[in-house]
Amino acid sequence: MMEKVQIFHAYRVQYNTARGPAKGGIRWHPDETIDTIRALAAWMTWKTAVVDIPLGGGKGGVTCNPKWMSEAEKQRLARAYIRAIASQISVRKMSPHPMFIQLLRSWLG
């Protein structure tokens, strides 16, 4: 059986890290754009600043429709995304959403 190869557009914006690592999750949506991700990263910067949390603002996104994907496809896409942004991941640069960390842990066993 031949597998179908797909190319997905993915984004990562670290809007501001002056107060600490960029906090923000990953949004999977069929109409995702870099403009939306920039806006959400900026919004997260303001949200953390207003409540005085020592984190900056960031956001990631992938243009896809997760409703049409199997769990295995979602897992492969998430792993590919993490590999692509691996150089941006560290405790000094990024603070991923706790649910994303929980999902990765469940996949790793």
N, C-alpha and C. Protein backbone atom coordinates (compact mmCIF):
# COMPACT_ATOMS: atom_id res chain seq x y z
N MET A 1 0.84 -1.18 0.00
CA MET A 1 0.00 0.00 0.00
C MET A 1 0.89 1.25 0.00
N MET A 2 0.60 2.15 -0.88
CA MET A 2 1.39 3.36 -1.01
C MET A 2 0.79 4.47 -0.15
N GLU A 3 1.64 5.10 0.65
CA GLU A 3 1.16 6.19 1.49
C GLU A 3 1.16 7.50 0.72
N LYS A 4 0.20 8.33 1.03
CA LYS A 4 0.09 9.64 0.40
C LYS A 4 0.97 10.63 1.17
N VAL A 5 1.74 11.41 0.44
CA VAL A 5 2.61 12.42 1.05
C VAL A 5 1.90 13.77 0.99
N GLN A 6 1.88 14.47 2.11
CA GLN A 6 1.27 15.79 2.17
C GLN A 6 2.28 16.78 2.72
N ILE A 7 2.16 18.01 2.28
CA ILE A 7 2.99 19.09 2.81
C ILE A 7 2.09 20.05 3.57
N PHE A 8 2.48 20.36 4.79
CA PHE A 8 1.71 21.27 5.64
C PHE A 8 2.52 22.53 5.90
N HIS A 9 1.84 23.65 5.91
CA HIS A 9 2.49 24.91 6.28
C HIS A 9 2.39 25.04 7.80
N ALA A 10 3.51 25.32 8.42
CA ALA A 10 3.56 25.43 9.88
C ALA A 10 4.28 26.71 10.27
N TYR A 11 3.94 27.22 11.44
CA TYR A 11 4.47 28.51 11.89
C TYR A 11 4.84 28.45 13.37
N ARG A 12 5.78 29.29 13.76
CA ARG A 12 6.11 29.50 15.17
C ARG A 12 6.53 30.96 15.31
N VAL A 13 5.83 31.68 16.19
CA VAL A 13 6.15 33.07 16.46
C VAL A 13 6.45 33.21 17.94
N GLN A 14 7.59 33.77 18.25
CA GLN A 14 7.93 34.12 19.62
C GLN A 14 7.92 35.65 19.66
N TYR A 15 6.76 36.19 19.97
CA TYR A 15 6.51 37.62 19.85
C TYR A 15 7.37 38.45 20.77
N ASN A 16 7.48 38.01 22.03
CA ASN A 16 8.27 38.78 22.99
C ASN A 16 8.74 37.85 24.10
N THR A 17 10.02 37.93 24.42
CA THR A 17 10.57 37.10 25.50
C THR A 17 11.26 37.96 26.56
N ALA A 18 10.92 39.24 26.61
CA ALA A 18 11.55 40.15 27.58
C ALA A 18 11.21 39.76 29.03
N ARG A 19 10.02 39.21 29.27
CA ARG A 19 9.61 38.85 30.62
C ARG A 19 9.90 37.39 30.96
N GLY A 20 10.33 36.62 29.97
CA GLY A 20 10.60 35.20 30.19
C GLY A 20 10.36 34.41 28.91
N PRO A 21 10.39 33.08 29.01
CA PRO A 21 10.16 32.24 27.83
C PRO A 21 8.81 32.52 27.19
N ALA A 22 8.72 32.32 25.89
CA ALA A 22 7.47 32.55 25.17
C ALA A 22 6.45 31.47 25.49
N LYS A 23 5.33 31.87 26.06
CA LYS A 23 4.26 30.94 26.39
C LYS A 23 3.25 30.93 25.25
N GLY A 24 2.82 29.77 24.87
CA GLY A 24 1.79 29.66 23.83
C GLY A 24 1.78 28.27 23.24
N GLY A 25 0.61 27.82 22.89
CA GLY A 25 0.45 26.47 22.36
C GLY A 25 0.56 26.42 20.85
N ILE A 26 0.03 25.34 20.29
CA ILE A 26 0.05 25.11 18.86
C ILE A 26 -1.39 24.98 18.39
N ARG A 27 -1.74 25.76 17.39
CA ARG A 27 -3.11 25.76 16.87
C ARG A 27 -3.11 25.04 15.53
N TRP A 28 -3.99 24.04 15.40
CA TRP A 28 -4.16 23.32 14.14
C TRP A 28 -5.50 23.75 13.56
N HIS A 29 -5.48 24.37 12.39
CA HIS A 29 -6.72 24.87 11.80
C HIS A 29 -6.58 24.89 10.28
N PRO A 30 -7.65 24.58 9.54
CA PRO A 30 -7.57 24.56 8.08
C PRO A 30 -7.26 25.93 7.46
N ASP A 31 -7.62 27.00 8.14
CA ASP A 31 -7.40 28.35 7.61
C ASP A 31 -6.28 29.09 8.33
N GLU A 32 -5.36 28.35 8.94
CA GLU A 32 -4.28 28.98 9.70
C GLU A 32 -3.39 29.83 8.82
N THR A 33 -2.97 30.98 9.34
CA THR A 33 -2.05 31.86 8.61
C THR A 33 -1.01 32.40 9.57
N ILE A 34 0.07 32.91 9.02
CA ILE A 34 1.10 33.52 9.86
C ILE A 34 0.54 34.76 10.56
N ASP A 35 -0.37 35.47 9.92
CA ASP A 35 -0.95 36.66 10.55
C ASP A 35 -1.74 36.32 11.80
N THR A 36 -2.50 35.24 11.74
CA THR A 36 -3.25 34.80 12.93
C THR A 36 -2.30 34.42 14.05
N ILE A 37 -1.25 33.69 13.71
CA ILE A 37 -0.29 33.25 14.72
C ILE A 37 0.42 34.44 15.34
N ARG A 38 0.80 35.43 14.54
CA ARG A 38 1.42 36.65 15.08
C ARG A 38 0.48 37.34 16.06
N ALA A 39 -0.79 37.47 15.68
CA ALA A 39 -1.76 38.14 16.54
C ALA A 39 -1.96 37.38 17.85
N LEU A 40 -2.06 36.05 17.79
CA LEU A 40 -2.25 35.26 19.01
C LEU A 40 -1.01 35.30 19.89
N ALA A 41 0.17 35.34 19.30
CA ALA A 41 1.41 35.46 20.08
C ALA A 41 1.47 36.80 20.79
N ALA A 42 1.07 37.87 20.09
CA ALA A 42 1.03 39.20 20.71
C ALA A 42 0.02 39.22 21.85
N TRP A 43 -1.13 38.61 21.62
CA TRP A 43 -2.17 38.56 22.66
C TRP A 43 -1.65 37.84 23.90
N MET A 44 -0.94 36.73 23.71
CA MET A 44 -0.40 35.99 24.84
C MET A 44 0.62 36.83 25.60
N THR A 45 1.40 37.66 24.88
CA THR A 45 2.34 38.56 25.54
C THR A 45 1.60 39.48 26.50
N TRP A 46 0.50 40.06 26.03
CA TRP A 46 -0.29 40.97 26.87
C TRP A 46 -0.97 40.24 28.02
N LYS A 47 -1.51 39.05 27.74
CA LYS A 47 -2.19 38.28 28.80
C LYS A 47 -1.25 37.97 29.96
N THR A 48 -0.04 37.52 29.65
CA THR A 48 0.90 37.18 30.73
C THR A 48 1.37 38.43 31.46
N ALA A 49 1.52 39.54 30.73
CA ALA A 49 1.98 40.79 31.36
C ALA A 49 0.91 41.37 32.29
N VAL A 50 -0.35 41.33 31.87
CA VAL A 50 -1.44 41.92 32.66
C VAL A 50 -1.59 41.22 34.01
N VAL A 51 -1.42 39.91 34.03
CA VAL A 51 -1.55 39.17 35.29
C VAL A 51 -0.19 38.95 35.97
N ASP A 52 0.84 39.59 35.44
CA ASP A 52 2.18 39.60 36.02
C ASP A 52 2.80 38.21 36.13
N ILE A 53 2.64 37.43 35.08
CA ILE A 53 3.31 36.12 34.99
C ILE A 53 4.62 36.35 34.25
N PRO A 54 5.74 35.86 34.76
CA PRO A 54 7.03 36.14 34.12
C PRO A 54 7.28 35.29 32.87
N LEU A 55 6.39 35.44 31.90
CA LEU A 55 6.52 34.74 30.62
C LEU A 55 6.26 35.72 29.49
N GLY A 56 6.82 35.43 28.33
CA GLY A 56 6.56 36.21 27.14
C GLY A 56 5.41 35.60 26.37
N GLY A 57 5.28 36.00 25.12
CA GLY A 57 4.18 35.49 24.30
C GLY A 57 4.68 34.81 23.05
N GLY A 58 4.09 33.68 22.74
CA GLY A 58 4.42 32.94 21.53
C GLY A 58 3.23 32.14 21.08
N LYS A 59 3.31 31.60 19.90
CA LYS A 59 2.23 30.74 19.40
C LYS A 59 2.77 29.96 18.22
N GLY A 60 2.24 28.77 18.04
CA GLY A 60 2.56 27.95 16.89
C GLY A 60 1.29 27.60 16.15
N GLY A 61 1.43 27.23 14.91
CA GLY A 61 0.26 26.86 14.14
C GLY A 61 0.61 25.98 12.96
N VAL A 62 -0.36 25.14 12.58
CA VAL A 62 -0.21 24.28 11.41
C VAL A 62 -1.50 24.38 10.61
N THR A 63 -1.36 24.61 9.30
CA THR A 63 -2.52 24.67 8.43
C THR A 63 -2.91 23.24 8.07
N CYS A 64 -3.95 22.76 8.74
CA CYS A 64 -4.45 21.40 8.50
C CYS A 64 -5.84 21.29 9.12
N ASN A 65 -6.55 20.24 8.77
CA ASN A 65 -7.84 19.98 9.39
C ASN A 65 -7.73 18.71 10.23
N PRO A 66 -7.53 18.85 11.54
CA PRO A 66 -7.34 17.66 12.38
C PRO A 66 -8.56 16.75 12.42
N LYS A 67 -9.74 17.25 12.06
CA LYS A 67 -10.95 16.42 12.04
C LYS A 67 -10.87 15.35 10.95
N TRP A 68 -10.07 15.60 9.93
CA TRP A 68 -9.94 14.66 8.81
C TRP A 68 -8.71 13.77 8.95
N MET A 69 -8.03 13.85 10.09
CA MET A 69 -6.80 13.10 10.28
C MET A 69 -6.97 12.00 11.31
N SER A 70 -6.31 10.89 11.09
CA SER A 70 -6.31 9.81 12.09
C SER A 70 -5.39 10.19 13.23
N GLU A 71 -5.48 9.47 14.32
CA GLU A 71 -4.58 9.74 15.46
C GLU A 71 -3.12 9.54 15.06
N ALA A 72 -2.86 8.53 14.25
CA ALA A 72 -1.49 8.27 13.80
C ALA A 72 -0.98 9.43 12.93
N GLU A 73 -1.83 9.97 12.08
CA GLU A 73 -1.43 11.10 11.24
C GLU A 73 -1.16 12.34 12.09
N LYS A 74 -2.01 12.57 13.09
CA LYS A 74 -1.81 13.71 13.99
C LYS A 74 -0.49 13.56 14.75
N GLN A 75 -0.21 12.34 15.17
CA GLN A 75 1.02 12.09 15.91
C GLN A 75 2.25 12.35 15.02
N ARG A 76 2.21 11.86 13.78
CA ARG A 76 3.33 12.09 12.87
C ARG A 76 3.51 13.58 12.58
N LEU A 77 2.40 14.29 12.40
CA LEU A 77 2.48 15.72 12.13
C LEU A 77 3.04 16.48 13.33
N ALA A 78 2.58 16.14 14.53
CA ALA A 78 3.08 16.81 15.74
C ALA A 78 4.57 16.55 15.92
N ARG A 79 5.00 15.35 15.69
CA ARG A 79 6.43 15.03 15.83
C ARG A 79 7.26 15.76 14.78
N ALA A 80 6.75 15.85 13.56
CA ALA A 80 7.46 16.57 12.50
C ALA A 80 7.56 18.06 12.84
N TYR A 81 6.49 18.60 13.40
CA TYR A 81 6.48 20.02 13.80
C TYR A 81 7.54 20.26 14.88
N ILE A 82 7.59 19.41 15.88
CA ILE A 82 8.56 19.56 16.96
C ILE A 82 9.98 19.44 16.42
N ARG A 83 10.21 18.49 15.53
CA ARG A 83 11.55 18.37 14.92
C ARG A 83 11.93 19.66 14.18
N ALA A 84 10.95 20.27 13.50
CA ALA A 84 11.22 21.48 12.72
C ALA A 84 11.56 22.68 13.60
N ILE A 85 10.97 22.75 14.79
CA ILE A 85 11.23 23.91 15.67
C ILE A 85 12.13 23.55 16.84
N ALA A 86 12.78 22.42 16.77
CA ALA A 86 13.60 21.95 17.89
C ALA A 86 14.63 22.97 18.36
N SER A 87 15.18 23.75 17.46
CA SER A 87 16.19 24.73 17.85
C SER A 87 15.58 25.86 18.69
N GLN A 88 14.27 26.02 18.66
CA GLN A 88 13.60 27.07 19.43
C GLN A 88 13.10 26.58 20.78
N ILE A 89 13.22 25.29 21.04
CA ILE A 89 12.66 24.72 22.27
C ILE A 89 13.75 24.63 23.34
N SER A 90 13.54 25.35 24.41
CA SER A 90 14.36 25.24 25.61
C SER A 90 13.62 25.99 26.71
N VAL A 91 14.00 25.78 27.95
CA VAL A 91 13.30 26.44 29.05
C VAL A 91 13.51 27.95 29.02
N ARG A 92 14.53 28.42 28.32
CA ARG A 92 14.78 29.85 28.22
C ARG A 92 14.04 30.50 27.06
N LYS A 93 13.62 29.70 26.09
CA LYS A 93 13.01 30.25 24.88
C LYS A 93 11.50 30.03 24.78
N MET A 94 11.01 28.89 25.28
CA MET A 94 9.62 28.52 25.01
C MET A 94 9.01 27.77 26.19
N SER A 95 7.76 28.06 26.44
CA SER A 95 7.00 27.37 27.48
C SER A 95 5.73 26.82 26.85
N PRO A 96 5.76 25.56 26.36
CA PRO A 96 4.58 25.02 25.68
C PRO A 96 3.41 24.82 26.64
N HIS A 97 2.23 24.76 26.07
CA HIS A 97 1.01 24.56 26.84
C HIS A 97 1.07 23.21 27.55
N PRO A 98 0.64 23.14 28.81
CA PRO A 98 0.70 21.88 29.57
C PRO A 98 -0.03 20.71 28.90
N MET A 99 -1.14 20.98 28.19
CA MET A 99 -1.86 19.89 27.52
C MET A 99 -1.03 19.30 26.38
N PHE A 100 -0.23 20.14 25.72
CA PHE A 100 0.64 19.65 24.65
C PHE A 100 1.71 18.74 25.23
N ILE A 101 2.27 19.13 26.35
CA ILE A 101 3.28 18.30 27.02
C ILE A 101 2.67 16.96 27.43
N GLN A 102 1.45 17.00 27.96
CA GLN A 102 0.76 15.77 28.36
C GLN A 102 0.53 14.86 27.14
N LEU A 103 0.13 15.44 26.02
CA LEU A 103 -0.10 14.66 24.80
C LEU A 103 1.21 13.99 24.33
N LEU A 104 2.30 14.76 24.32
CA LEU A 104 3.59 14.18 23.92
C LEU A 104 4.00 13.04 24.84
N ARG A 105 3.79 13.23 26.13
CA ARG A 105 4.15 12.17 27.08
C ARG A 105 3.32 10.90 26.82
N SER A 106 2.04 11.07 26.50
CA SER A 106 1.20 9.89 26.24
C SER A 106 1.68 9.14 25.00
N TRP A 107 2.17 9.87 24.01
CA TRP A 107 2.68 9.23 22.80
C TRP A 107 3.99 8.53 23.04
N LEU A 108 4.80 9.06 23.94
CA LEU A 108 6.10 8.46 24.21
C LEU A 108 6.03 7.27 25.14
N GLY A 109 4.87 7.11 25.79
CA GLY A 109 4.66 5.96 26.64
C GLY A 109 5.07 6.23 28.00
